[in-house]
């Protein structure tokens, strides 16, 4: 059994390797992307990560929505009306009709 510090370092190395492999394919993503980030994330700097993803994917494909005062799982509490955020984003991204149907795309 590895000591806790060695275990965590090994896990972090695996995570970094996995992220590098996934990120290599991001430029090929075609669908629009919405990143929702909390401003009070104690686990990681979600706002900075959201901006980084937007730089990688491009502003034309990647929108960022920040939730003031939300932590890492900020969409799970009442800080964010997720349905409204998604409906607004799908309209702005031009995909509302495909997701919500013709009668819902003009809401």
PDB file of N, CA and C in Angstrom:
ATOM      1  N   UNK A   1       0.843  -1.183   0.000  1.00  0.00           N
ATOM      2  CA  UNK A   1       0.000   0.000   0.000  1.00  0.00           C
ATOM      3  C   UNK A   1       0.888   1.246   0.000  1.00  0.00           C
ATOM      4  N   UNK A   2       0.532   2.180  -0.862  1.00  0.00           N
ATOM      5  CA  UNK A   2       1.282   3.435  -0.937  1.00  0.00           C
ATOM      6  C   UNK A   2       0.921   4.353   0.222  1.00  0.00           C
ATOM      7  N   UNK A   3       1.897   5.105   0.720  1.00  0.00           N
ATOM      8  CA  UNK A   3       1.565   6.136   1.712  1.00  0.00           C
ATOM      9  C   UNK A   3       0.605   7.151   1.083  1.00  0.00           C
ATOM     10  N   UNK A   4      -0.213   7.824   1.890  1.00  0.00           N
ATOM     11  CA  UNK A   4      -1.219   8.751   1.344  1.00  0.00           C
ATOM     12  C   UNK A   4      -0.656   9.780   0.363  1.00  0.00           C
ATOM     13  N   UNK A   5       0.488  10.372   0.679  1.00  0.00           N
ATOM     14  CA  UNK A   5       1.050  11.395  -0.214  1.00  0.00           C
ATOM     15  C   UNK A   5       1.437  10.780  -1.558  1.00  0.00           C
ATOM     16  N   UNK A   6       2.082   9.627  -1.540  1.00  0.00           N
ATOM     17  CA  UNK A   6       2.477   8.960  -2.783  1.00  0.00           C
ATOM     18  C   UNK A   6       1.250   8.538  -3.590  1.00  0.00           C
ATOM     19  N   UNK A   7       0.241   8.054  -2.884  1.00  0.00           N
ATOM     20  CA  UNK A   7      -0.999   7.661  -3.552  1.00  0.00           C
ATOM     21  C   UNK A   7      -1.621   8.857  -4.270  1.00  0.00           C
ATOM     22  N   UNK A   8      -1.716   9.989  -3.574  1.00  0.00           N
ATOM     23  CA  UNK A   8      -2.316  11.182  -4.174  1.00  0.00           C
ATOM     24  C   UNK A   8      -1.489  11.681  -5.356  1.00  0.00           C
ATOM     25  N   UNK A   9      -0.177  11.644  -5.240  1.00  0.00           N
ATOM     26  CA  UNK A   9       0.679  12.076  -6.355  1.00  0.00           C
ATOM     27  C   UNK A   9       0.483  11.166  -7.567  1.00  0.00           C
ATOM     28  N   UNK A  10       0.378   9.866  -7.324  1.00  0.00           N
ATOM     29  CA  UNK A  10       0.157   8.921  -8.424  1.00  0.00           C
ATOM     30  C   UNK A  10      -1.204   9.158  -9.070  1.00  0.00           C
ATOM     31  N   UNK A  11      -2.229   9.389  -8.260  1.00  0.00           N
ATOM     32  CA  UNK A  11      -3.572   9.647  -8.799  1.00  0.00           C
ATOM     33  C   UNK A  11      -3.588  10.941  -9.607  1.00  0.00           C
ATOM     34  N   UNK A  12      -2.912  11.958  -9.109  1.00  0.00           N
ATOM     35  CA  UNK A  12      -2.847  13.230  -9.818  1.00  0.00           C
ATOM     36  C   UNK A  12      -2.137  13.064 -11.159  1.00  0.00           C
ATOM     37  N   UNK A  13      -1.080  12.276 -11.190  1.00  0.00           N
ATOM     38  CA  UNK A  13      -0.368  12.028 -12.447  1.00  0.00           C
ATOM     39  C   UNK A  13      -1.283  11.332 -13.455  1.00  0.00           C
ATOM     40  N   UNK A  14      -2.081  10.369 -13.000  1.00  0.00           N
ATOM     41  CA  UNK A  14      -3.037   9.697 -13.889  1.00  0.00           C
ATOM     42  C   UNK A  14      -4.081  10.678 -14.403  1.00  0.00           C
ATOM     43  N   UNK A  15      -4.564  11.532 -13.528  1.00  0.00           N
ATOM     44  CA  UNK A  15      -5.558  12.532 -13.915  1.00  0.00           C
ATOM     45  C   UNK A  15      -4.982  13.490 -14.956  1.00  0.00           C
ATOM     46  N   UNK A  16      -3.760  13.944 -14.740  1.00  0.00           N
ATOM     47  CA  UNK A  16      -3.123  14.857 -15.695  1.00  0.00           C
ATOM     48  C   UNK A  16      -2.930  14.180 -17.052  1.00  0.00           C
ATOM     49  N   UNK A  17      -2.527  12.914 -17.054  1.00  0.00           N
ATOM     50  CA  UNK A  17      -2.373  12.177 -18.314  1.00  0.00           C
ATOM     51  C   UNK A  17      -3.710  12.050 -19.039  1.00  0.00           C
ATOM     52  N   UNK A  18      -4.746  11.720 -18.289  1.00  0.00           N
ATOM     53  CA  UNK A  18      -6.074  11.589 -18.884  1.00  0.00           C
ATOM     54  C   UNK A  18      -6.571  12.903 -19.460  1.00  0.00           C
ATOM     55  N   UNK A  19      -6.361  13.985 -18.728  1.00  0.00           N
ATOM     56  CA  UNK A  19      -6.777  15.307 -19.214  1.00  0.00           C
ATOM     57  C   UNK A  19      -6.049  15.664 -20.503  1.00  0.00           C
ATOM     58  N   UNK A  20      -4.767  15.378 -20.559  1.00  0.00           N
ATOM     59  CA  UNK A  20      -3.988  15.693 -21.763  1.00  0.00           C
ATOM     60  C   UNK A  20      -4.527  14.923 -22.971  1.00  0.00           C
ATOM     61  N   UNK A  21      -4.909  13.679 -22.776  1.00  0.00           N
ATOM     62  CA  UNK A  21      -5.454  12.887 -23.879  1.00  0.00           C
ATOM     63  C   UNK A  21      -6.803  13.426 -24.336  1.00  0.00           C
ATOM     64  N   UNK A  22      -7.645  13.791 -23.396  1.00  0.00           N
ATOM     65  CA  UNK A  22      -8.966  14.325 -23.740  1.00  0.00           C
ATOM     66  C   UNK A  22      -8.831  15.684 -24.421  1.00  0.00           C
ATOM     67  N   UNK A  23      -8.004  16.543 -23.864  1.00  0.00           N
ATOM     68  CA  UNK A  23      -7.850  17.890 -24.407  1.00  0.00           C
ATOM     69  C   UNK A  23      -7.306  17.879 -25.831  1.00  0.00           C
ATOM     70  N   UNK A  24      -6.548  16.866 -26.183  1.00  0.00           N
ATOM     71  CA  UNK A  24      -5.994  16.787 -27.536  1.00  0.00           C
ATOM     72  C   UNK A  24      -7.096  16.729 -28.595  1.00  0.00           C
ATOM     73  N   UNK A  25      -8.262  16.224 -28.242  1.00  0.00           N
ATOM     74  CA  UNK A  25      -9.357  16.118 -29.197  1.00  0.00           C
ATOM     75  C   UNK A  25     -10.353  17.256 -29.158  1.00  0.00           C
ATOM     76  N   UNK A  26     -10.177  18.202 -28.246  1.00  0.00           N
ATOM     77  CA  UNK A  26     -11.150  19.285 -28.109  1.00  0.00           C
ATOM     78  C   UNK A  26     -11.276  20.148 -29.347  1.00  0.00           C
ATOM     79  N   UNK A  27     -10.201  20.370 -30.035  1.00  0.00           N
ATOM     80  CA  UNK A  27     -10.258  21.227 -31.222  1.00  0.00           C
ATOM     81  C   UNK A  27     -11.177  20.638 -32.285  1.00  0.00           C
ATOM     82  N   UNK A  28     -11.386  19.327 -32.236  1.00  0.00           N
ATOM     83  CA  UNK A  28     -12.235  18.662 -33.220  1.00  0.00           C
ATOM     84  C   UNK A  28     -13.714  18.671 -32.840  1.00  0.00           C
ATOM     85  N   UNK A  29     -14.039  19.136 -31.643  1.00  0.00           N
ATOM     86  CA  UNK A  29     -15.446  19.190 -31.234  1.00  0.00           C
ATOM     87  C   UNK A  29     -16.208  20.149 -32.136  1.00  0.00           C
ATOM     88  N   UNK A  30     -17.345  19.729 -32.611  1.00  0.00           N
ATOM     89  CA  UNK A  30     -18.150  20.571 -33.485  1.00  0.00           C
ATOM     90  C   UNK A  30     -19.367  21.185 -32.801  1.00  0.00           C
ATOM     91  N   UNK A  31     -20.029  20.484 -31.887  1.00  0.00           N
ATOM     92  CA  UNK A  31     -21.234  21.070 -31.301  1.00  0.00           C
ATOM     93  C   UNK A  31     -20.912  22.271 -30.422  1.00  0.00           C
ATOM     94  N   UNK A  32     -21.873  23.163 -30.271  1.00  0.00           N
ATOM     95  CA  UNK A  32     -21.675  24.272 -29.340  1.00  0.00           C
ATOM     96  C   UNK A  32     -21.563  23.741 -27.912  1.00  0.00           C
ATOM     97  N   UNK A  33     -20.817  24.455 -27.093  1.00  0.00           N
ATOM     98  CA  UNK A  33     -20.547  24.031 -25.720  1.00  0.00           C
ATOM     99  C   UNK A  33     -20.921  25.161 -24.768  1.00  0.00           C
ATOM    100  N   UNK A  34     -21.565  24.811 -23.678  1.00  0.00           N
ATOM    101  CA  UNK A  34     -21.854  25.768 -22.612  1.00  0.00           C
ATOM    102  C   UNK A  34     -21.127  25.300 -21.359  1.00  0.00           C
ATOM    103  N   UNK A  35     -20.287  26.162 -20.810  1.00  0.00           N
ATOM    104  CA  UNK A  35     -19.587  25.870 -19.566  1.00  0.00           C
ATOM    105  C   UNK A  35     -20.224  26.721 -18.475  1.00  0.00           C
ATOM    106  N   UNK A  36     -20.691  26.074 -17.421  1.00  0.00           N
ATOM    107  CA  UNK A  36     -21.289  26.775 -16.290  1.00  0.00           C
ATOM    108  C   UNK A  36     -20.314  26.669 -15.130  1.00  0.00           C
ATOM    109  N   UNK A  37     -19.899  27.820 -14.602  1.00  0.00           N
ATOM    110  CA  UNK A  37     -18.874  27.841 -13.560  1.00  0.00           C
ATOM    111  C   UNK A  37     -19.326  28.674 -12.374  1.00  0.00           C
ATOM    112  N   UNK A  38     -19.044  28.178 -11.191  1.00  0.00           N
ATOM    113  CA  UNK A  38     -19.340  28.918  -9.970  1.00  0.00           C
ATOM    114  C   UNK A  38     -18.210  29.869  -9.622  1.00  0.00           C
ATOM    115  N   UNK A  39     -18.562  31.006  -9.040  1.00  0.00           N
ATOM    116  CA  UNK A  39     -17.543  31.993  -8.674  1.00  0.00           C
ATOM    117  C   UNK A  39     -16.901  31.699  -7.321  1.00  0.00           C
ATOM    118  N   UNK A  40     -17.465  30.757  -6.566  1.00  0.00           N
ATOM    119  CA  UNK A  40     -16.935  30.447  -5.233  1.00  0.00           C
ATOM    120  C   UNK A  40     -16.523  28.980  -5.129  1.00  0.00           C
ATOM    121  N   UNK A  41     -15.971  28.447  -6.192  1.00  0.00           N
ATOM    122  CA  UNK A  41     -15.556  27.045  -6.224  1.00  0.00           C
ATOM    123  C   UNK A  41     -14.285  26.875  -5.396  1.00  0.00           C
ATOM    124  N   UNK A  42     -14.369  26.118  -4.314  1.00  0.00           N
ATOM    125  CA  UNK A  42     -13.207  25.881  -3.457  1.00  0.00           C
ATOM    126  C   UNK A  42     -12.383  24.689  -3.941  1.00  0.00           C
ATOM    127  N   UNK A  43     -12.930  23.896  -4.859  1.00  0.00           N
ATOM    128  CA  UNK A  43     -12.235  22.711  -5.351  1.00  0.00           C
ATOM    129  C   UNK A  43     -11.236  23.059  -6.449  1.00  0.00           C
ATOM    130  N   UNK A  44     -11.654  23.918  -7.373  1.00  0.00           N
ATOM    131  CA  UNK A  44     -10.761  24.397  -8.420  1.00  0.00           C
ATOM    132  C   UNK A  44     -11.244  25.764  -8.874  1.00  0.00           C
ATOM    133  N   UNK A  45     -10.407  26.473  -9.586  1.00  0.00           N
ATOM    134  CA  UNK A  45     -10.773  27.811 -10.053  1.00  0.00           C
ATOM    135  C   UNK A  45     -11.644  27.663 -11.303  1.00  0.00           C
ATOM    136  N   UNK A  46     -12.931  27.461 -11.079  1.00  0.00           N
ATOM    137  CA  UNK A  46     -13.861  27.184 -12.180  1.00  0.00           C
ATOM    138  C   UNK A  46     -13.946  28.317 -13.186  1.00  0.00           C
ATOM    139  N   UNK A  47     -13.917  29.541 -12.712  1.00  0.00           N
ATOM    140  CA  UNK A  47     -13.993  30.668 -13.650  1.00  0.00           C
ATOM    141  C   UNK A  47     -12.790  30.661 -14.593  1.00  0.00           C
ATOM    142  N   UNK A  48     -11.621  30.469 -14.036  1.00  0.00           N
ATOM    143  CA  UNK A  48     -10.410  30.438 -14.864  1.00  0.00           C
ATOM    144  C   UNK A  48     -10.435  29.246 -15.819  1.00  0.00           C
ATOM    145  N   UNK A  49     -10.894  28.105 -15.339  1.00  0.00           N
ATOM    146  CA  UNK A  49     -10.973  26.917 -16.193  1.00  0.00           C
ATOM    147  C   UNK A  49     -11.993  27.122 -17.312  1.00  0.00           C
ATOM    148  N   UNK A  50     -13.101  27.766 -17.004  1.00  0.00           N
ATOM    149  CA  UNK A  50     -14.110  28.052 -18.028  1.00  0.00           C
ATOM    150  C   UNK A  50     -13.533  28.951 -19.118  1.00  0.00           C
ATOM    151  N   UNK A  51     -12.793  29.970 -18.714  1.00  0.00           N
ATOM    152  CA  UNK A  51     -12.168  30.867 -19.690  1.00  0.00           C
ATOM    153  C   UNK A  51     -11.125  30.128 -20.527  1.00  0.00           C
ATOM    154  N   UNK A  52     -10.398  29.219 -19.890  1.00  0.00           N
ATOM    155  CA  UNK A  52      -9.399  28.427 -20.612  1.00  0.00           C
ATOM    156  C   UNK A  52     -10.074  27.551 -21.667  1.00  0.00           C
ATOM    157  N   UNK A  53     -11.170  26.906 -21.292  1.00  0.00           N
ATOM    158  CA  UNK A  53     -11.902  26.078 -22.250  1.00  0.00           C
ATOM    159  C   UNK A  53     -12.424  26.919 -23.407  1.00  0.00           C
ATOM    160  N   UNK A  54     -12.899  28.115 -23.091  1.00  0.00           N
ATOM    161  CA  UNK A  54     -13.404  28.998 -24.139  1.00  0.00           C
ATOM    162  C   UNK A  54     -12.281  29.410 -25.096  1.00  0.00           C
ATOM    163  N   UNK A  55     -11.091  29.650 -24.564  1.00  0.00           N
ATOM    164  CA  UNK A  55      -9.956  29.977 -25.439  1.00  0.00           C
ATOM    165  C   UNK A  55      -9.615  28.802 -26.355  1.00  0.00           C
ATOM    166  N   UNK A  56      -9.648  27.590 -25.813  1.00  0.00           N
ATOM    167  CA  UNK A  56      -9.312  26.405 -26.602  1.00  0.00           C
ATOM    168  C   UNK A  56     -10.356  26.161 -27.688  1.00  0.00           C
ATOM    169  N   UNK A  57     -11.626  26.231 -27.316  1.00  0.00           N
ATOM    170  CA  UNK A  57     -12.706  25.902 -28.250  1.00  0.00           C
ATOM    171  C   UNK A  57     -13.117  27.073 -29.130  1.00  0.00           C
ATOM    172  N   UNK A  58     -12.842  28.282 -28.684  1.00  0.00           N
ATOM    173  CA  UNK A  58     -13.235  29.470 -29.431  1.00  0.00           C
ATOM    174  C   UNK A  58     -14.568  30.006 -28.948  1.00  0.00           C
ATOM    175  N   UNK A  59     -14.680  31.327 -28.907  1.00  0.00           N
ATOM    176  CA  UNK A  59     -15.905  31.963 -28.414  1.00  0.00           C
ATOM    177  C   UNK A  59     -17.121  31.647 -29.272  1.00  0.00           C
ATOM    178  N   UNK A  60     -16.905  31.374 -30.548  1.00  0.00           N
ATOM    179  CA  UNK A  60     -18.042  31.074 -31.417  1.00  0.00           C
ATOM    180  C   UNK A  60     -18.666  29.717 -31.095  1.00  0.00           C
ATOM    181  N   UNK A  61     -17.915  28.821 -30.474  1.00  0.00           N
ATOM    182  CA  UNK A  61     -18.447  27.499 -30.119  1.00  0.00           C
ATOM    183  C   UNK A  61     -18.663  27.307 -28.632  1.00  0.00           C
ATOM    184  N   UNK A  62     -18.007  28.103 -27.810  1.00  0.00           N
ATOM    185  CA  UNK A  62     -18.046  27.871 -26.366  1.00  0.00           C
ATOM    186  C   UNK A  62     -18.516  29.115 -25.626  1.00  0.00           C
ATOM    187  N   UNK A  63     -19.654  28.999 -24.977  1.00  0.00           N
ATOM    188  CA  UNK A  63     -20.184  30.085 -24.150  1.00  0.00           C
ATOM    189  C   UNK A  63     -19.893  29.763 -22.686  1.00  0.00           C
ATOM    190  N   UNK A  64     -19.709  30.807 -21.893  1.00  0.00           N
ATOM    191  CA  UNK A  64     -19.461  30.645 -20.462  1.00  0.00           C
ATOM    192  C   UNK A  64     -20.552  31.365 -19.691  1.00  0.00           C
ATOM    193  N   UNK A  65     -21.114  30.675 -18.722  1.00  0.00           N
ATOM    194  CA  UNK A  65     -22.103  31.270 -17.817  1.00  0.00           C
ATOM    195  C   UNK A  65     -21.568  31.097 -16.401  1.00  0.00           C
ATOM    196  N   UNK A  66     -21.393  32.197 -15.679  1.00  0.00           N
ATOM    197  CA  UNK A  66     -20.920  32.097 -14.298  1.00  0.00           C
ATOM    198  C   UNK A  66     -22.094  32.266 -13.342  1.00  0.00           C
ATOM    199  N   UNK A  67     -22.005  31.555 -12.233  1.00  0.00           N
ATOM    200  CA  UNK A  67     -23.042  31.595 -11.208  1.00  0.00           C
ATOM    201  C   UNK A  67     -22.423  32.214  -9.963  1.00  0.00           C
ATOM    202  N   UNK A  68     -22.836  33.441  -9.655  1.00  0.00           N
ATOM    203  CA  UNK A  68     -22.283  34.157  -8.507  1.00  0.00           C
ATOM    204  C   UNK A  68     -22.528  33.403  -7.204  1.00  0.00           C
ATOM    205  N   UNK A  69     -21.467  33.233  -6.444  1.00  0.00           N
ATOM    206  CA  UNK A  69     -21.562  32.610  -5.133  1.00  0.00           C
ATOM    207  C   UNK A  69     -21.671  31.101  -5.138  1.00  0.00           C
ATOM    208  N   UNK A  70     -21.684  30.489  -6.311  1.00  0.00           N
ATOM    209  CA  UNK A  70     -21.833  29.033  -6.388  1.00  0.00           C
ATOM    210  C   UNK A  70     -20.484  28.347  -6.268  1.00  0.00           C
ATOM    211  N   UNK A  71     -20.503  27.187  -5.652  1.00  0.00           N
ATOM    212  CA  UNK A  71     -19.299  26.386  -5.513  1.00  0.00           C
ATOM    213  C   UNK A  71     -19.138  25.425  -6.680  1.00  0.00           C
ATOM    214  N   UNK A  72     -18.474  24.310  -6.416  1.00  0.00           N
ATOM    215  CA  UNK A  72     -18.145  23.357  -7.472  1.00  0.00           C
ATOM    216  C   UNK A  72     -19.391  22.711  -8.087  1.00  0.00           C
ATOM    217  N   UNK A  73     -20.405  22.496  -7.311  1.00  0.00           N
ATOM    218  CA  UNK A  73     -21.650  21.897  -7.812  1.00  0.00           C
ATOM    219  C   UNK A  73     -22.766  22.933  -7.744  1.00  0.00           C
ATOM    220  N   UNK A  74     -22.487  24.111  -8.248  1.00  0.00           N
ATOM    221  CA  UNK A  74     -23.388  25.249  -8.118  1.00  0.00           C
ATOM    222  C   UNK A  74     -24.730  25.115  -8.798  1.00  0.00           C
ATOM    223  N   UNK A  75     -24.865  24.185  -9.725  1.00  0.00           N
ATOM    224  CA  UNK A  75     -26.161  24.024 -10.383  1.00  0.00           C
ATOM    225  C   UNK A  75     -27.086  23.104  -9.599  1.00  0.00           C
ATOM    226  N   UNK A  76     -26.585  22.531  -8.502  1.00  0.00           N
ATOM    227  CA  UNK A  76     -27.408  21.605  -7.725  1.00  0.00           C
ATOM    228  C   UNK A  76     -28.250  22.300  -6.665  1.00  0.00           C
ATOM    229  N   UNK A  77     -27.936  23.544  -6.366  1.00  0.00           N
ATOM    230  CA  UNK A  77     -28.739  24.247  -5.374  1.00  0.00           C
ATOM    231  C   UNK A  77     -29.572  25.330  -6.068  1.00  0.00           C
ATOM    232  N   UNK A  78     -30.069  26.256  -5.332  1.00  0.00           N
ATOM    233  CA  UNK A  78     -30.975  27.265  -5.878  1.00  0.00           C
ATOM    234  C   UNK A  78     -30.267  28.490  -6.447  1.00  0.00           C
ATOM    235  N   UNK A  79     -28.953  28.463  -6.552  1.00  0.00           N
ATOM    236  CA  UNK A  79     -28.219  29.627  -7.052  1.00  0.00           C
ATOM    237  C   UNK A  79     -28.373  29.814  -8.563  1.00  0.00           C
ATOM    238  N   UNK A  80     -28.757  28.764  -9.246  1.00  0.00           N
ATOM    239  CA  UNK A  80     -28.805  28.814 -10.706  1.00  0.00           C
ATOM    240  C   UNK A  80     -30.103  28.184 -11.197  1.00  0.00           C
ATOM    241  N   UNK A  81     -30.849  28.913 -11.988  1.00  0.00           N
ATOM    242  CA  UNK A  81     -32.046  28.364 -12.629  1.00  0.00           C
ATOM    243  C   UNK A  81     -31.574  27.722 -13.930  1.00  0.00           C
ATOM    244  N   UNK A  82     -31.143  26.473 -13.822  1.00  0.00           N
ATOM    245  CA  UNK A  82     -30.475  25.785 -14.921  1.00  0.00           C
ATOM    246  C   UNK A  82     -31.324  25.720 -16.188  1.00  0.00           C
ATOM    247  N   UNK A  83     -32.604  25.472 -16.048  1.00  0.00           N
ATOM    248  CA  UNK A  83     -33.469  25.390 -17.225  1.00  0.00           C
ATOM    249  C   UNK A  83     -33.470  26.705 -17.996  1.00  0.00           C
ATOM    250  N   UNK A  84     -33.565  27.814 -17.291  1.00  0.00           N
ATOM    251  CA  UNK A  84     -33.555  29.125 -17.952  1.00  0.00           C
ATOM    252  C   UNK A  84     -32.215  29.394 -18.630  1.00  0.00           C
ATOM    253  N   UNK A  85     -31.137  29.042 -17.952  1.00  0.00           N
ATOM    254  CA  UNK A  85     -29.797  29.233 -18.531  1.00  0.00           C
ATOM    255  C   UNK A  85     -29.673  28.425 -19.817  1.00  0.00           C
ATOM    256  N   UNK A  86     -30.108  27.178 -19.778  1.00  0.00           N
ATOM    257  CA  UNK A  86     -30.011  26.316 -20.965  1.00  0.00           C
ATOM    258  C   UNK A  86     -30.916  26.796 -22.097  1.00  0.00           C
ATOM    259  N   UNK A  87     -32.122  27.221 -21.774  1.00  0.00           N
ATOM    260  CA  UNK A  87     -33.024  27.719 -22.820  1.00  0.00           C
ATOM    261  C   UNK A  87     -32.455  28.972 -23.486  1.00  0.00           C
ATOM    262  N   UNK A  88     -31.924  29.888 -22.689  1.00  0.00           N
ATOM    263  CA  UNK A  88     -31.333  31.113 -23.248  1.00  0.00           C
ATOM    264  C   UNK A  88     -30.126  30.766 -24.128  1.00  0.00           C
ATOM    265  N   UNK A  89     -29.276  29.872 -23.640  1.00  0.00           N
ATOM    266  CA  UNK A  89     -28.087  29.490 -24.399  1.00  0.00           C
ATOM    267  C   UNK A  89     -28.457  28.800 -25.713  1.00  0.00           C
ATOM    268  N   UNK A  90     -29.442  27.912 -25.674  1.00  0.00           N
ATOM    269  CA  UNK A  90     -29.809  27.219 -26.912  1.00  0.00           C
ATOM    270  C   UNK A  90     -30.360  28.185 -27.950  1.00  0.00           C
ATOM    271  N   UNK A  91     -31.068  29.212 -27.499  1.00  0.00           N
ATOM    272  CA  UNK A  91     -31.534  30.239 -28.442  1.00  0.00           C
ATOM    273  C   UNK A  91     -30.350  30.984 -29.035  1.00  0.00           C
ATOM    274  N   UNK A  92     -29.441  31.417 -28.162  1.00  0.00           N
ATOM    275  CA  UNK A  92     -28.274  32.175 -28.621  1.00  0.00           C
ATOM    276  C   UNK A  92     -27.379  31.334 -29.528  1.00  0.00           C
ATOM    277  N   UNK A  93     -27.273  30.047 -29.253  1.00  0.00           N
ATOM    278  CA  UNK A  93     -26.428  29.157 -30.051  1.00  0.00           C
ATOM    279  C   UNK A  93     -27.138  28.686 -31.318  1.00  0.00           C
ATOM    280  N   UNK A  94     -28.424  29.007 -31.438  1.00  0.00           N
ATOM    281  CA  UNK A  94     -29.174  28.616 -32.622  1.00  0.00           C
ATOM    282  C   UNK A  94     -29.572  27.155 -32.647  1.00  0.00           C
ATOM    283  N   UNK A  95     -29.674  26.543 -31.480  1.00  0.00           N
ATOM    284  CA  UNK A  95     -30.039  25.129 -31.439  1.00  0.00           C
ATOM    285  C   UNK A  95     -31.334  24.881 -30.674  1.00  0.00           C
ATOM    286  N   UNK A  96     -32.047  25.930 -30.324  1.00  0.00           N
ATOM    287  CA  UNK A  96     -33.282  25.779 -29.554  1.00  0.00           C
ATOM    288  C   UNK A  96     -34.303  24.929 -30.292  1.00  0.00           C
ATOM    289  N   UNK A  97     -34.456  25.142 -31.571  1.00  0.00           N
ATOM    290  CA  UNK A  97     -35.451  24.396 -32.355  1.00  0.00           C
ATOM    291  C   UNK A  97     -35.157  22.895 -32.313  1.00  0.00           C
ATOM    292  N   UNK A  98     -33.899  22.522 -32.447  1.00  0.00           N
ATOM    293  CA  UNK A  98     -33.530  21.103 -32.447  1.00  0.00           C
ATOM    294  C   UNK A  98     -33.774  20.454 -31.087  1.00  0.00           C
ATOM    295  N   UNK A  99     -33.560  21.203 -30.018  1.00  0.00           N
ATOM    296  CA  UNK A  99     -33.708  20.631 -28.684  1.00  0.00           C
ATOM    297  C   UNK A  99     -35.122  20.718 -28.134  1.00  0.00           C
ATOM    298  N   UNK A 100     -35.797  21.834 -28.383  1.00  0.00           N
ATOM    299  CA  UNK A 100     -37.087  22.073 -27.740  1.00  0.00           C
ATOM    300  C   UNK A 100     -38.269  22.001 -28.695  1.00  0.00           C
ATOM    301  N   UNK A 101     -38.031  21.852 -29.980  1.00  0.00           N
ATOM    302  CA  UNK A 101     -39.114  21.796 -30.948  1.00  0.00           C
ATOM    303  C   UNK A 101     -39.469  23.177 -31.461  1.00  0.00           C
ATOM    304  N   UNK A 102     -40.152  23.221 -32.570  1.00  0.00           N
ATOM    305  CA  UNK A 102     -40.475  24.486 -33.234  1.00  0.00           C
ATOM    306  C   UNK A 102     -41.290  25.409 -32.346  1.00  0.00           C
ATOM    307  N   UNK A 103     -42.232  24.865 -31.581  1.00  0.00           N
ATOM    308  CA  UNK A 103     -43.092  25.720 -30.773  1.00  0.00           C
ATOM    309  C   UNK A 103     -42.370  26.309 -29.566  1.00  0.00           C
ATOM    310  N   UNK A 104     -41.246  25.741 -29.165  1.00  0.00           N
ATOM    311  CA  UNK A 104     -40.519  26.220 -27.996  1.00  0.00           C
ATOM    312  C   UNK A 104     -39.375  27.168 -28.348  1.00  0.00           C
ATOM    313  N   UNK A 105     -38.953  27.215 -29.596  1.00  0.00           N
ATOM    314  CA  UNK A 105     -37.756  27.971 -29.956  1.00  0.00           C
ATOM    315  C   UNK A 105     -37.956  29.478 -29.910  1.00  0.00           C
ATOM    316  N   UNK A 106     -39.193  29.946 -29.828  1.00  0.00           N
ATOM    317  CA  UNK A 106     -39.449  31.391 -29.796  1.00  0.00           C
ATOM    318  C   UNK A 106     -39.766  31.911 -28.409  1.00  0.00           C
ATOM    319  N   UNK A 107     -39.618  31.100 -27.389  1.00  0.00           N
ATOM    320  CA  UNK A 107     -39.924  31.543 -26.022  1.00  0.00           C
ATOM    321  C   UNK A 107     -39.030  32.653 -25.589  1.00  0.00           C
TER     322      UNK A 107
END
